Amino acid sequence: PPSLFSLRSHRLKIGLMLMFGLAVCACMRTNLNMAVVCMVNATAYRAQLSAAPASTVETEGQCSRIEETSTARGYNGTLEWTPQMQASLLTATFYGSLITITFSGSIADRFGPTLIFSGAVIVYVIVNMATPFLAEFSFRAYFAARVIMGIAEGFVFPCIGSMAGRWFPPLERSTMAGIYTSGNQIGSSLSSVISAALCASPLGWQSIFYLFGALGVVWIMGWLTIASNSPASNRFITDREAKFLESEIRRKEASKSIPWRSLLKSKPVYACLCCQFAFSFSGTLLQAYLPTYFRDELMIPLSMNGFYTTIPFAVQIFMKSFCSIVADALKRKGILKPTTSSKVFQTLCALGIASSMISLAFLPSCDTPWIAAICLAFYGISFSFGIPGYFSALLSVAPQYSGTLTSMTMLSGTLANISSPMLTSLLMTLKTQSIWKVVFSVTGVLNLIGGIIFLIFGDAEVQEWAITNDKQPSVECAEERSRSRIEEEKTEIIHVEFSCGSEKSI
């Protein structure tokens, strides 16, 4: 059969299309984060704060906040949306995904992920193309459209996981997962840079949504041309590669019963859920509010806002795979056991994110925005440690029930995705002094708490309650077989992240 990276490898083309699809979805989901800073009339809103004490309106340091400079710096929006309204729009997709999060995976497995994935992206495209009209026509109509897009978003990651399980052999899944999940970071990075450039251009913020909607149409056409639910039904794959994939891929049957009592009492599972909550909280905060932070707090021009916003996500593109390779090498050589490896990397992740967030809260100013760039780069590095940390453990504790764990983890991440913007908008509404110091400090503390919980209760070994009892095998043998299936299971949970904004994605 052709090697994975051969030009004739059709499974590589499927993986690349998954990556581009995830990138396009990330662009269409996150473009509002940057666009909103040039859609909204920030000067009009600040006028409502004129009755507040000066300390709540002015920035600390030597930069004066002159109202006219917002327009001069490129932020000349016309929509009068309050912080609560902006937060509602940014979280609307997460509310929508809560509706489909519990059953989307089973639908993709039953009816095939190819057309369902296409349908989800079509919804993304329609909402993006309609955004310029809906945003000016009615806030409620636009909010409803964002919720509908969230309903479609609930199908994206399960469809990607289902495609990966059908197309990638176990020994290639880690490599391919690293490729296609990078679409999240690629999309978030491109969205920030391109959206900022279009905002500052004569085309205006409306062009952001038209451009990414058009990219979605192009991807759909390519996807429907080369993709299929299985290698056997694909018209472009060679017979040799199809037979190779058929012999290598073993689709496991779903477990007939789930040990709910043991699962819900499992401390390692809850440790992973706590880490996922903190992970998603920080990822969503940065995706949703970095452009606003750079505009209002550091007074960065619109032309540079996109560059600064993309720093943490661009760093993750490279560091995520690097950290996973290092962790796997340490385990293969016997230097670290699985549980020890996960705890070491998750501790580094928690300490790094906490320190970078707290530093971001207190060190940068409008005179020294470069300090924020350093903090965000360090955040991106630390965030990547979580992949061989809690995320690796999540893949290992119960491979037999990975679908159930996926839903639980996605739920935890979605709740964090909703909580983060709600807290930020609440502090804005209350005219809290030093709002960004509070928000970033809370984020750092949450990740530190998650790291401590995982350090105490985390585990990366298959739990006894997750071992099947066919023919009464010994625990040792069952564990060994379960470990051998970890590679096969990775892609079934790999999508948890960063829909979970994160950063969801990972």
Protein backbone atom coordinates (compact mmCIF):
# COMPACT_ATOMS: atom_id res chain seq x y z
CA PRO A 1 0.00 0.00 0.00
CA PRO A 2 1.17 3.61 -0.46
CA SER A 3 2.84 5.09 2.58
CA LEU A 4 0.89 7.66 4.58
CA PHE A 5 2.78 10.61 3.11
CA SER A 6 2.77 9.32 -0.46
CA LEU A 7 1.15 11.48 -3.13
CA ARG A 8 -1.08 8.48 -3.91
CA SER A 9 -2.23 8.11 -0.31
CA HIS A 10 -5.95 8.87 -0.29
CA ARG A 11 -6.19 8.59 3.49
CA LEU A 12 -3.73 11.49 3.72
CA LYS A 13 -6.01 13.53 1.46
CA ILE A 14 -8.94 12.70 3.74
CA GLY A 15 -6.90 13.82 6.75
CA LEU A 16 -5.94 17.09 5.06
CA MET A 17 -9.55 17.74 4.12
CA LEU A 18 -10.56 17.14 7.74
CA MET A 19 -7.91 19.66 8.78
CA PHE A 20 -9.13 22.24 6.26
CA GLY A 21 -12.74 21.57 7.25
CA LEU A 22 -11.97 22.11 10.92
CA ALA A 23 -10.01 25.26 10.03
CA VAL A 24 -12.91 26.65 7.99
CA CYS A 25 -15.35 25.90 10.81
CA ALA A 26 -13.02 27.57 13.32
CA CYS A 27 -12.79 30.64 11.07
CA MET A 28 -16.56 30.92 10.72
CA ARG A 29 -17.11 30.33 14.44
CA THR A 30 -14.46 32.71 15.80
CA ASN A 31 -14.49 35.51 13.21
CA LEU A 32 -17.07 37.36 15.31
CA ASN A 33 -14.54 37.57 18.16
CA MET A 34 -12.42 39.95 16.13
CA ALA A 35 -15.19 41.47 14.01
CA VAL A 36 -17.17 42.62 17.04
CA VAL A 37 -14.49 45.13 18.03
CA CYS A 38 -15.06 47.02 14.77
CA MET A 39 -18.81 46.33 14.55
CA VAL A 40 -19.63 47.91 17.90
CA ASN A 41 -19.56 51.62 18.64
CA ALA A 42 -17.33 51.41 21.71
CA THR A 43 -17.25 55.20 22.10
CA ALA A 44 -21.02 55.34 22.46
CA TYR A 45 -20.94 52.69 25.15
CA ARG A 46 -18.15 54.42 27.05
CA ALA A 47 -20.29 57.56 27.14
CA GLN A 48 -22.72 55.60 29.32
CA LEU A 49 -19.91 55.11 31.84
CA SER A 50 -19.24 58.81 32.26
CA ALA A 51 -20.98 58.82 35.62
CA ALA A 52 -18.58 56.18 36.96
CA PRO A 53 -15.54 57.15 39.03
CA ALA A 54 -12.56 58.06 36.90
CA SER A 55 -10.58 55.08 38.14
CA THR A 56 -13.08 52.69 36.57
CA VAL A 57 -12.85 54.28 33.15
CA GLU A 58 -9.23 55.23 32.82
CA THR A 59 -6.39 52.85 32.36
CA GLU A 60 -3.55 52.73 34.81
CA GLY A 61 -0.21 53.99 33.63
CA GLN A 62 0.70 56.98 31.55
CA CYS A 63 -1.51 56.42 28.49
CA SER A 64 -4.49 58.74 28.42
CA ARG A 65 -7.76 57.33 27.12
CA ILE A 66 -8.96 59.84 24.57
CA GLU A 67 -12.35 58.97 23.14
CA GLU A 68 -11.52 60.16 19.62
CA THR A 69 -8.60 57.74 19.41
CA SER A 70 -10.91 54.73 19.00
CA THR A 71 -11.91 55.89 15.54
CA ALA A 72 -8.39 57.01 14.78
CA ARG A 73 -7.13 53.53 15.63
CA GLY A 74 -9.63 51.92 13.23
CA TYR A 75 -12.46 50.99 15.61
CA ASN A 76 -15.33 52.87 13.97
CA GLY A 77 -18.30 50.53 14.45
CA THR A 78 -21.93 51.63 14.42
CA LEU A 79 -23.78 48.89 16.33
CA GLU A 80 -24.67 49.82 19.90
CA TRP A 81 -24.37 46.43 21.60
CA THR A 82 -23.77 46.35 25.33
CA PRO A 83 -21.19 43.96 26.84
CA GLN A 84 -24.04 41.63 27.85
CA MET A 85 -25.32 41.53 24.28
CA GLN A 86 -21.83 40.85 22.94
CA ALA A 87 -21.32 38.04 25.45
CA SER A 88 -24.67 36.53 24.46
CA LEU A 89 -23.62 36.41 20.83
CA LEU A 90 -20.22 34.92 21.64
CA THR A 91 -21.79 32.16 23.76
CA ALA A 92 -24.81 31.50 21.53
CA THR A 93 -23.05 28.71 19.62
CA PHE A 94 -22.25 26.94 22.89
CA TYR A 95 -25.91 27.00 23.91
CA GLY A 96 -26.76 25.47 20.56
CA SER A 97 -24.17 22.72 20.87
CA LEU A 98 -25.67 21.68 24.22
CA ILE A 99 -28.76 20.57 22.30
CA THR A 100 -26.92 18.07 20.08
CA ILE A 101 -23.93 17.19 22.22
CA THR A 102 -25.40 13.97 23.63
CA PHE A 103 -26.56 12.23 20.44
CA SER A 104 -24.58 13.67 17.52
CA GLY A 105 -21.89 11.00 17.75
CA SER A 106 -24.31 8.09 17.52
CA ILE A 107 -26.05 9.71 14.54
CA ALA A 108 -22.72 10.13 12.74
CA ASP A 109 -21.82 6.50 13.42
CA ARG A 110 -25.20 5.22 12.29
CA PHE A 111 -25.82 7.25 9.13
CA GLY A 112 -22.25 8.05 8.12
CA PRO A 113 -20.29 11.23 8.83
CA THR A 114 -19.62 12.49 5.29
CA LEU A 115 -22.98 14.08 4.47
CA ILE A 116 -23.67 15.08 8.08
CA PHE A 117 -20.37 16.95 8.25
CA SER A 118 -21.23 18.68 4.97
CA GLY A 119 -24.66 19.63 6.29
CA ALA A 120 -23.14 21.15 9.43
CA VAL A 121 -20.74 23.28 7.38
CA ILE A 122 -23.62 24.39 5.12
CA VAL A 123 -25.36 25.78 8.22
CA TYR A 124 -22.13 27.61 9.13
CA VAL A 125 -22.00 29.11 5.63
CA ILE A 126 -25.63 30.27 5.65
CA VAL A 127 -25.30 31.96 9.05
CA ASN A 128 -22.04 33.68 8.04
CA MET A 129 -23.44 34.93 4.75
CA ALA A 130 -26.56 36.24 6.53
CA THR A 131 -24.63 37.92 9.37
CA PRO A 132 -24.23 41.40 7.79
CA PHE A 133 -27.99 41.61 7.27
CA LEU A 134 -29.05 40.00 10.57
CA ALA A 135 -26.64 42.03 12.71
CA GLU A 136 -28.11 45.29 11.45
CA PHE A 137 -31.70 44.06 11.22
CA SER A 138 -32.27 42.49 14.64
CA PHE A 139 -30.07 41.46 17.54
CA ARG A 140 -32.51 38.70 18.50
CA ALA A 141 -32.57 37.30 14.98
CA TYR A 142 -28.78 37.22 14.88
CA PHE A 143 -28.63 35.56 18.29
CA ALA A 144 -31.07 32.87 17.10
CA ALA A 145 -28.94 32.30 14.00
CA ARG A 146 -25.84 31.85 16.17
CA VAL A 147 -27.70 29.28 18.28
CA ILE A 148 -28.63 27.37 15.11
CA MET A 149 -24.97 27.44 14.07
CA GLY A 150 -24.14 25.97 17.49
CA ILE A 151 -26.59 23.14 16.89
CA ALA A 152 -24.66 22.32 13.72
CA GLU A 153 -21.37 22.70 15.59
CA GLY A 154 -22.41 19.86 17.88
CA PHE A 155 -22.04 17.51 14.89
CA VAL A 156 -18.64 18.68 13.64
CA PHE A 157 -16.26 16.99 16.07
CA PRO A 158 -18.18 13.68 16.34
CA CYS A 159 -18.20 13.48 12.53
CA ILE A 160 -14.46 14.10 12.40
CA GLY A 161 -13.87 11.40 15.00
CA SER A 162 -16.08 8.98 13.11
CA MET A 163 -14.23 9.64 9.85
CA ALA A 164 -10.88 9.12 11.57
CA GLY A 165 -12.00 5.78 12.96
CA ARG A 166 -13.08 4.62 9.50
CA TRP A 167 -10.05 5.84 7.53
CA PHE A 168 -6.91 5.78 9.70
CA PRO A 169 -5.23 2.57 10.94
CA PRO A 170 -4.36 2.49 14.67
CA LEU A 171 -0.62 2.96 14.10
CA GLU A 172 -1.24 6.10 12.02
CA ARG A 173 -3.95 7.70 14.11
CA SER A 174 -1.71 9.68 16.44
CA THR A 175 0.08 11.24 13.47
CA MET A 176 -3.13 12.00 11.62
CA ALA A 177 -4.81 13.33 14.76
CA GLY A 178 -1.95 15.77 15.14
CA ILE A 179 -2.51 16.89 11.55
CA TYR A 180 -6.26 17.29 11.41
CA THR A 181 -6.77 18.72 14.91
CA SER A 182 -4.29 21.49 14.06
CA GLY A 183 -7.08 22.88 11.91
CA ASN A 184 -8.51 24.45 15.07
CA GLN A 185 -5.39 26.50 15.72
CA ILE A 186 -4.87 27.28 12.03
CA GLY A 187 -8.45 28.52 11.71
CA SER A 188 -8.30 30.62 14.87
CA SER A 189 -5.01 32.18 13.80
CA LEU A 190 -6.12 32.98 10.26
CA SER A 191 -9.45 34.31 11.48
CA SER A 192 -7.81 36.84 13.79
CA VAL A 193 -5.28 38.14 11.26
CA ILE A 194 -7.60 38.25 8.24
CA SER A 195 -10.54 39.69 10.19
CA ALA A 196 -8.42 42.51 11.60
CA ALA A 197 -7.10 43.35 8.12
CA LEU A 198 -10.59 43.38 6.60
CA CYS A 199 -11.94 45.46 9.48
CA ALA A 200 -9.34 48.12 8.79
CA SER A 201 -9.90 47.99 5.02
CA PRO A 202 -12.50 49.91 2.98
CA LEU A 203 -14.42 46.64 2.58
CA GLY A 204 -15.52 46.81 6.21
CA TRP A 205 -16.45 44.13 8.72
CA GLN A 206 -19.16 42.72 6.46
CA SER A 207 -16.50 41.32 4.13
CA ILE A 208 -15.21 39.07 6.94
CA PHE A 209 -18.34 36.95 6.94
CA TYR A 210 -18.68 36.87 3.15
CA LEU A 211 -15.07 35.72 2.73
CA PHE A 212 -15.19 32.89 5.26
CA GLY A 213 -18.63 31.84 4.04
CA ALA A 214 -17.22 31.56 0.52
CA LEU A 215 -14.30 29.48 1.82
CA GLY A 216 -16.85 27.17 3.41
CA VAL A 217 -18.55 26.66 0.04
CA VAL A 218 -15.23 25.82 -1.61
CA TRP A 219 -14.44 23.27 1.11
CA ILE A 220 -17.86 21.61 0.80
CA MET A 221 -17.36 21.12 -2.94
CA GLY A 222 -13.95 19.54 -2.40
CA TRP A 223 -15.15 17.38 0.48
CA LEU A 224 -18.13 15.93 -1.38
CA THR A 225 -15.84 15.18 -4.32
CA ILE A 226 -13.16 13.10 -2.58
CA ALA A 227 -14.70 11.90 0.71
CA SER A 228 -16.77 8.83 1.49
CA ASN A 229 -17.93 7.04 4.62
CA SER A 230 -15.44 4.21 4.13
CA PRO A 231 -12.45 3.31 1.95
CA ALA A 232 -14.44 0.53 0.30
CA SER A 233 -17.02 3.00 -1.06
CA ASN A 234 -14.52 5.58 -2.32
CA ARG A 235 -14.09 5.91 -6.08
CA PHE A 236 -10.61 7.47 -5.99
CA ILE A 237 -8.74 5.13 -3.66
CA THR A 238 -6.61 2.36 -5.16
CA ASP A 239 -7.66 -1.25 -4.59
CA ARG A 240 -4.39 -1.93 -2.82
CA GLU A 241 -4.85 0.90 -0.31
CA ALA A 242 -8.51 0.01 0.24
CA LYS A 243 -7.64 -3.61 1.06
CA PHE A 244 -4.83 -2.45 3.36
CA LEU A 245 -7.17 -0.18 5.31
CA GLU A 246 -9.86 -2.85 5.46
CA SER A 247 -7.43 -5.33 6.98
CA GLU A 248 -5.89 -2.84 9.43
CA ILE A 249 -9.00 -1.11 10.73
CA ARG A 250 -11.12 -3.01 13.18
CA ARG A 251 -14.33 -1.30 14.16
CA LYS A 252 -15.09 -2.25 17.73
CA GLU A 253 -18.67 -2.97 18.80
CA ALA A 254 -20.31 -0.65 21.26
CA SER A 255 -20.46 -1.86 24.82
CA LYS A 256 -23.85 -3.26 25.75
CA SER A 257 -23.86 -1.74 29.22
CA ILE A 258 -22.12 1.20 30.84
CA PRO A 259 -21.02 0.92 34.49
CA TRP A 260 -22.54 4.26 35.42
CA ARG A 261 -22.15 3.86 39.16
CA SER A 262 -18.43 3.13 38.93
CA LEU A 263 -17.88 5.78 36.26
CA LEU A 264 -19.62 8.51 38.25
CA LYS A 265 -17.61 7.57 41.35
CA SER A 266 -14.26 7.53 39.51
CA LYS A 267 -11.85 10.14 40.89
CA PRO A 268 -9.56 10.05 37.80
CA VAL A 269 -12.55 10.85 35.58
CA TYR A 270 -13.52 13.86 37.69
CA ALA A 271 -9.90 15.00 37.73
CA CYS A 272 -9.94 15.06 33.92
CA LEU A 273 -13.28 16.89 33.88
CA CYS A 274 -11.91 19.57 36.21
CA CYS A 275 -8.89 20.06 33.96
CA GLN A 276 -11.12 20.23 30.89
CA PHE A 277 -13.27 22.92 32.52
CA ALA A 278 -10.22 25.06 33.34
CA PHE A 279 -8.74 24.36 29.89
CA SER A 280 -11.88 25.46 28.05
CA PHE A 281 -12.45 28.45 30.35
CA SER A 282 -9.06 29.91 29.51
CA GLY A 283 -9.22 29.01 25.81
CA THR A 284 -12.64 30.58 25.31
CA LEU A 285 -11.68 33.70 27.26
CA LEU A 286 -8.72 34.34 24.98
CA GLN A 287 -10.58 33.50 21.78
CA ALA A 288 -13.55 35.69 22.66
CA TYR A 289 -12.03 38.65 24.46
CA LEU A 290 -8.40 39.14 23.46
CA PRO A 291 -9.38 41.58 20.67
CA THR A 292 -11.45 43.60 23.15
CA TYR A 293 -8.65 43.52 25.72
CA PHE A 294 -6.11 44.80 23.22
CA ARG A 295 -8.47 47.53 22.05
CA ASP A 296 -9.70 48.82 25.40
CA GLU A 297 -6.85 48.06 27.80
CA LEU A 298 -3.64 48.17 25.77
CA MET A 299 -4.91 50.65 23.14
CA ILE A 300 -3.45 48.61 20.26
CA PRO A 301 -4.36 49.76 16.73
CA LEU A 302 -6.72 47.53 14.78
CA SER A 303 -4.00 46.77 12.24
CA MET A 304 -1.91 45.09 14.99
CA ASN A 305 -4.77 43.60 17.00
CA GLY A 306 -5.03 40.50 14.83
CA PHE A 307 -1.30 39.80 15.11
CA TYR A 308 -1.32 39.95 18.90
CA THR A 309 -4.51 37.89 19.15
CA THR A 310 -3.13 35.06 17.04
CA ILE A 311 0.06 34.53 19.08
CA PRO A 312 -1.16 31.84 21.55
CA PHE A 313 -2.91 29.81 18.85
CA ALA A 314 0.00 29.96 16.40
CA VAL A 315 2.36 28.69 19.10
CA GLN A 316 0.04 25.75 19.81
CA ILE A 317 0.18 24.59 16.18
CA PHE A 318 3.80 23.54 16.64
CA MET A 319 4.07 22.88 20.37
CA LYS A 320 1.11 20.52 20.59
CA SER A 321 2.71 17.85 18.40
CA PHE A 322 6.18 18.44 19.87
CA CYS A 323 5.00 17.87 23.45
CA SER A 324 3.12 14.70 22.49
CA ILE A 325 6.16 13.28 20.67
CA VAL A 326 8.42 13.98 23.68
CA ALA A 327 5.96 12.38 26.10
CA ASP A 328 5.55 9.27 23.94
CA ALA A 329 9.33 8.92 23.63
CA LEU A 330 9.77 9.13 27.42
CA LYS A 331 7.16 6.41 27.89
CA ARG A 332 8.56 4.14 25.17
CA LYS A 333 12.03 4.31 26.74
CA GLY A 334 10.62 3.52 30.17
CA ILE A 335 11.79 6.82 31.65
CA LEU A 336 8.27 7.72 32.76
CA LYS A 337 5.26 5.54 33.43
CA PRO A 338 1.95 6.64 31.86
CA THR A 339 0.48 8.08 35.06
CA THR A 340 3.72 9.80 36.03
CA SER A 341 4.06 11.28 32.55
CA SER A 342 0.51 12.64 32.57
CA LYS A 343 0.94 14.18 36.02
CA VAL A 344 4.28 15.77 35.16
CA PHE A 345 3.02 17.36 31.95
CA GLN A 346 -0.30 18.43 33.46
CA THR A 347 1.51 20.05 36.38
CA LEU A 348 3.71 21.96 33.93
CA CYS A 349 0.57 22.91 32.02
CA ALA A 350 -1.29 24.19 35.09
CA LEU A 351 1.67 26.11 36.50
CA GLY A 352 2.48 27.61 33.10
CA ILE A 353 -1.06 28.74 32.33
CA ALA A 354 -1.55 30.13 35.86
CA SER A 355 1.69 32.10 35.76
CA SER A 356 1.08 33.41 32.23
CA MET A 357 -2.49 34.50 33.03
CA ILE A 358 -1.53 36.23 36.28
CA SER A 359 1.39 37.91 34.51
CA LEU A 360 -0.99 39.03 31.76
CA ALA A 361 -3.23 40.50 34.46
CA PHE A 362 -0.61 42.69 36.12
CA LEU A 363 2.44 43.27 33.90
CA PRO A 364 1.41 44.66 30.47
CA SER A 365 0.27 48.23 29.93
CA CYS A 366 -0.49 50.38 26.92
CA ASP A 367 3.15 51.50 27.11
CA THR A 368 4.46 47.91 27.08
CA PRO A 369 2.13 45.73 24.95
CA TRP A 370 5.09 43.51 24.03
CA ILE A 371 4.90 42.03 27.53
CA ALA A 372 1.42 40.73 26.67
CA ALA A 373 2.87 39.04 23.57
CA ILE A 374 5.44 37.20 25.73
CA CYS A 375 2.75 36.14 28.23
CA LEU A 376 0.53 34.81 25.44
CA ALA A 377 3.38 32.90 23.80
CA PHE A 378 4.17 31.28 27.15
CA TYR A 379 0.47 30.47 27.55
CA GLY A 380 0.47 28.72 24.16
CA ILE A 381 3.47 26.60 25.18
CA SER A 382 1.95 25.73 28.56
CA PHE A 383 -1.43 24.95 27.01
CA SER A 384 0.26 22.37 24.76
CA PHE A 385 1.57 20.47 27.79
CA GLY A 386 -2.03 19.52 28.55
CA ILE A 387 -2.17 17.16 25.57
CA PRO A 388 0.27 14.61 27.07
CA GLY A 389 -1.12 15.64 30.47
CA TYR A 390 -4.77 15.23 31.44
CA PHE A 391 -5.82 14.62 27.84
CA SER A 392 -3.57 11.58 27.51
CA ALA A 393 -4.99 10.25 30.76
CA LEU A 394 -8.51 10.76 29.48
CA LEU A 395 -7.72 8.48 26.55
CA SER A 396 -6.49 5.77 28.89
CA VAL A 397 -8.76 5.45 31.91
CA ALA A 398 -11.67 3.75 30.09
CA PRO A 399 -11.08 3.00 26.38
CA GLN A 400 -14.13 0.75 26.27
CA TYR A 401 -16.41 3.66 27.18
CA SER A 402 -14.68 6.43 25.27
CA GLY A 403 -17.92 7.66 23.70
CA THR A 404 -19.49 8.25 27.09
CA LEU A 405 -16.38 9.99 28.37
CA THR A 406 -16.36 12.13 25.25
CA SER A 407 -19.87 13.40 25.95
CA MET A 408 -19.05 14.07 29.61
CA THR A 409 -15.90 15.96 28.72
CA MET A 410 -17.58 17.97 25.97
CA LEU A 411 -20.32 18.91 28.44
CA SER A 412 -17.75 20.09 30.98
CA GLY A 413 -15.97 22.11 28.32
CA THR A 414 -19.18 23.63 27.00
CA LEU A 415 -20.20 24.78 30.48
CA ALA A 416 -16.81 26.49 30.76
CA ASN A 417 -17.28 28.02 27.32
CA ILE A 418 -20.50 29.61 28.55
CA SER A 419 -19.18 30.63 31.98
CA SER A 420 -16.12 32.51 30.74
CA PRO A 421 -17.91 35.16 28.63
CA MET A 422 -20.68 35.44 31.23
CA LEU A 423 -18.18 36.34 33.96
CA THR A 424 -16.44 38.86 31.73
CA SER A 425 -19.66 40.58 30.65
CA LEU A 426 -20.89 40.67 34.26
CA LEU A 427 -17.74 42.47 35.38
CA MET A 428 -18.14 44.91 32.49
CA THR A 429 -21.75 45.56 33.43
CA LEU A 430 -20.85 46.17 37.08
CA LYS A 431 -18.18 48.64 35.93
CA THR A 432 -15.64 46.66 37.91
CA GLN A 433 -12.33 48.39 38.39
CA SER A 434 -9.41 46.54 36.80
CA ILE A 435 -11.74 44.06 35.07
CA TRP A 436 -8.95 42.31 33.15
CA LYS A 437 -6.90 41.80 36.30
CA VAL A 438 -9.87 39.99 37.85
CA VAL A 439 -10.70 37.90 34.77
CA PHE A 440 -7.16 36.76 34.03
CA SER A 441 -6.44 36.06 37.71
CA VAL A 442 -9.57 33.90 38.03
CA THR A 443 -8.52 32.00 34.91
CA GLY A 444 -5.05 31.37 36.32
CA VAL A 445 -6.42 30.18 39.67
CA LEU A 446 -8.89 27.81 37.96
CA ASN A 447 -6.08 26.13 36.02
CA LEU A 448 -3.94 25.90 39.14
CA ILE A 449 -6.80 24.22 41.04
CA GLY A 450 -7.36 21.81 38.14
CA GLY A 451 -3.67 20.92 38.12
CA ILE A 452 -3.65 20.24 41.87
CA ILE A 453 -6.74 18.03 41.62
CA PHE A 454 -5.17 16.04 38.79
CA LEU A 455 -1.88 15.72 40.65
CA ILE A 456 -3.74 14.14 43.59
CA PHE A 457 -6.46 12.08 41.87
CA GLY A 458 -5.30 11.73 38.25
CA ASP A 459 -4.50 8.36 36.70
CA ALA A 460 -3.50 7.21 33.22
CA GLU A 461 -4.05 3.48 33.69
CA VAL A 462 -7.16 1.56 32.63
CA GLN A 463 -9.53 1.46 35.59
CA GLU A 464 -10.78 -1.88 36.88
CA TRP A 465 -14.42 -0.97 36.26
CA ALA A 466 -13.55 -0.25 32.60
CA ILE A 467 -12.10 -3.72 31.92
CA THR A 468 -14.38 -6.09 30.02
CA ASN A 469 -14.96 -9.45 31.66
CA ASP A 470 -15.23 -11.67 28.63
CA LYS A 471 -13.97 -15.14 29.53
CA GLN A 472 -12.88 -13.87 32.96
CA PRO A 473 -9.41 -12.60 31.99
CA SER A 474 -6.92 -11.54 34.60
CA VAL A 475 -6.69 -7.87 35.41
CA GLU A 476 -3.13 -7.74 34.13
CA CYS A 477 -4.04 -9.25 30.78
CA ALA A 478 -7.06 -7.03 30.42
CA GLU A 479 -5.00 -3.96 31.18
CA GLU A 480 -2.39 -4.98 28.64
CA ARG A 481 -5.05 -5.42 25.95
CA SER A 482 -6.64 -2.12 26.89
CA ARG A 483 -3.32 -0.33 26.59
CA SER A 484 -2.84 -1.81 23.14
CA ARG A 485 -6.16 -0.27 22.14
CA ILE A 486 -5.28 3.23 23.28
CA GLU A 487 -3.92 4.23 19.87
CA GLU A 488 -7.13 3.00 18.28
CA GLU A 489 -9.21 5.04 20.70
CA LYS A 490 -7.35 8.34 20.44
CA THR A 491 -9.32 9.83 17.61
CA GLU A 492 -12.62 9.10 19.33
CA ILE A 493 -11.87 11.58 22.08
CA ILE A 494 -9.35 13.83 20.38
CA HIS A 495 -12.09 16.23 19.29
CA VAL A 496 -12.99 17.12 22.87
CA GLU A 497 -10.77 20.08 23.19
CA PHE A 498 -11.08 23.00 21.74
CA SER A 499 -14.53 22.61 20.42
CA CYS A 500 -14.47 22.69 23.33
CA GLY A 501 -13.15 26.18 21.98
CA SER A 502 -11.25 24.98 23.19
CA GLU A 503 -8.59 25.08 21.87
CA LYS A 504 -12.53 24.67 22.15
CA SER A 505 -9.60 22.94 20.72
CA ILE A 506 -6.43 20.80 21.48
